[in-house]
Amino acid sequence: MSNSKYQSCIEACQQCLVDCQSCFYSMATKESMNDCPRCCIECVDACNVTIKAMANDSK
């Protein structure tokens, strides 16, 4: 990813993606009384779309 205009945001989204994925997998074997697992999945998806858009310099 060579788009320096968005580089810091891309890196933040990548870290968020890693953190949410890690959280989701750590909760995978546990019972959840809230929507955290679903939130993690949605966050990973949102990060992926955002990273791709910035990498492509999307409007």
C-alpha atoms as a PDB file:
ATOM      1  CA  MET A   1       0.000   0.000   0.000  1.00  0.00           C
ATOM      2  CA  SER A   2       1.802   3.030  -1.227  1.00  0.00           C
ATOM      3  CA  ASN A   3      -0.905   5.631  -0.703  1.00  0.00           C
ATOM      4  CA  SER A   4       0.786   7.830   1.907  1.00  0.00           C
ATOM      5  CA  LYS A   5      -2.232  10.153   2.078  1.00  0.00           C
ATOM      6  CA  TYR A   6      -4.101   7.508   4.036  1.00  0.00           C
ATOM      7  CA  GLN A   7      -1.193   5.525   5.473  1.00  0.00           C
ATOM      8  CA  SER A   8      -1.783   6.318   9.160  1.00  0.00           C
ATOM      9  CA  CYS A   9      -5.499   5.570   8.852  1.00  0.00           C
ATOM     10  CA  ILE A  10      -4.811   2.338   6.968  1.00  0.00           C
ATOM     11  CA  GLU A  11      -2.420   1.263   9.723  1.00  0.00           C
ATOM     12  CA  ALA A  12      -4.986   2.103  12.415  1.00  0.00           C
ATOM     13  CA  CYS A  13      -7.644   0.093  10.577  1.00  0.00           C
ATOM     14  CA  GLN A  14      -5.227  -2.823  10.216  1.00  0.00           C
ATOM     15  CA  GLN A  15      -4.556  -2.777  13.954  1.00  0.00           C
ATOM     16  CA  CYS A  16      -8.278  -2.577  14.692  1.00  0.00           C
ATOM     17  CA  LEU A  17      -8.880  -5.547  12.395  1.00  0.00           C
ATOM     18  CA  VAL A  18      -6.206  -7.605  14.185  1.00  0.00           C
ATOM     19  CA  ASP A  19      -7.529  -6.641  17.622  1.00  0.00           C
ATOM     20  CA  CYS A  20     -11.137  -7.464  16.742  1.00  0.00           C
ATOM     21  CA  GLN A  21     -10.182 -10.754  15.116  1.00  0.00           C
ATOM     22  CA  SER A  22      -8.173 -11.689  18.189  1.00  0.00           C
ATOM     23  CA  CYS A  23     -11.028 -10.743  20.509  1.00  0.00           C
ATOM     24  CA  PHE A  24     -13.479 -12.787  18.453  1.00  0.00           C
ATOM     25  CA  TYR A  25     -11.301 -15.896  18.519  1.00  0.00           C
ATOM     26  CA  SER A  26     -10.636 -15.580  22.242  1.00  0.00           C
ATOM     27  CA  MET A  27     -14.393 -15.485  22.821  1.00  0.00           C
ATOM     28  CA  ALA A  28     -15.158 -18.328  20.400  1.00  0.00           C
ATOM     29  CA  THR A  29     -15.322 -20.986  23.105  1.00  0.00           C
ATOM     30  CA  LYS A  30     -17.063 -18.813  25.683  1.00  0.00           C
ATOM     31  CA  GLU A  31     -20.695 -17.976  26.212  1.00  0.00           C
ATOM     32  CA  SER A  32     -21.481 -14.335  25.562  1.00  0.00           C
ATOM     33  CA  MET A  33     -24.269 -12.432  27.270  1.00  0.00           C
ATOM     34  CA  ASN A  34     -23.953  -9.504  24.851  1.00  0.00           C
ATOM     35  CA  ASP A  35     -23.397  -8.771  21.177  1.00  0.00           C
ATOM     36  CA  CYS A  36     -19.597  -8.606  21.372  1.00  0.00           C
ATOM     37  CA  PRO A  37     -18.879 -11.530  19.000  1.00  0.00           C
ATOM     38  CA  ARG A  38     -21.185 -10.069  16.357  1.00  0.00           C
ATOM     39  CA  CYS A  39     -19.670  -6.629  16.885  1.00  0.00           C
ATOM     40  CA  CYS A  40     -16.188  -8.081  16.341  1.00  0.00           C
ATOM     41  CA  ILE A  41     -17.223  -9.699  13.054  1.00  0.00           C
ATOM     42  CA  GLU A  42     -18.872  -6.493  11.835  1.00  0.00           C
ATOM     43  CA  CYS A  43     -15.830  -4.448  12.844  1.00  0.00           C
ATOM     44  CA  VAL A  44     -13.468  -6.754  10.932  1.00  0.00           C
ATOM     45  CA  ASP A  45     -15.678  -6.441   7.853  1.00  0.00           C
ATOM     46  CA  ALA A  46     -15.814  -2.643   8.160  1.00  0.00           C
ATOM     47  CA  CYS A  47     -12.035  -2.441   8.558  1.00  0.00           C
ATOM     48  CA  ASN A  48     -11.475  -4.602   5.468  1.00  0.00           C
ATOM     49  CA  VAL A  49     -13.744  -2.451   3.306  1.00  0.00           C
ATOM     50  CA  THR A  50     -12.207   0.770   4.619  1.00  0.00           C
ATOM     51  CA  ILE A  51      -8.631  -0.426   4.061  1.00  0.00           C
ATOM     52  CA  LYS A  52      -9.446  -1.465   0.497  1.00  0.00           C
ATOM     53  CA  ALA A  53     -11.134   1.844  -0.275  1.00  0.00           C
ATOM     54  CA  MET A  54      -8.222   3.891   1.040  1.00  0.00           C
ATOM     55  CA  ALA A  55      -5.660   1.686  -0.701  1.00  0.00           C
ATOM     56  CA  ASN A  56      -7.495   2.309  -3.973  1.00  0.00           C
ATOM     57  CA  ASP A  57      -7.821   6.051  -3.276  1.00  0.00           C
ATOM     58  CA  SER A  58     -11.588   5.653  -3.554  1.00  0.00           C
ATOM     59  CA  LYS A  59     -13.769   8.744  -3.534  1.00  0.00           C
END
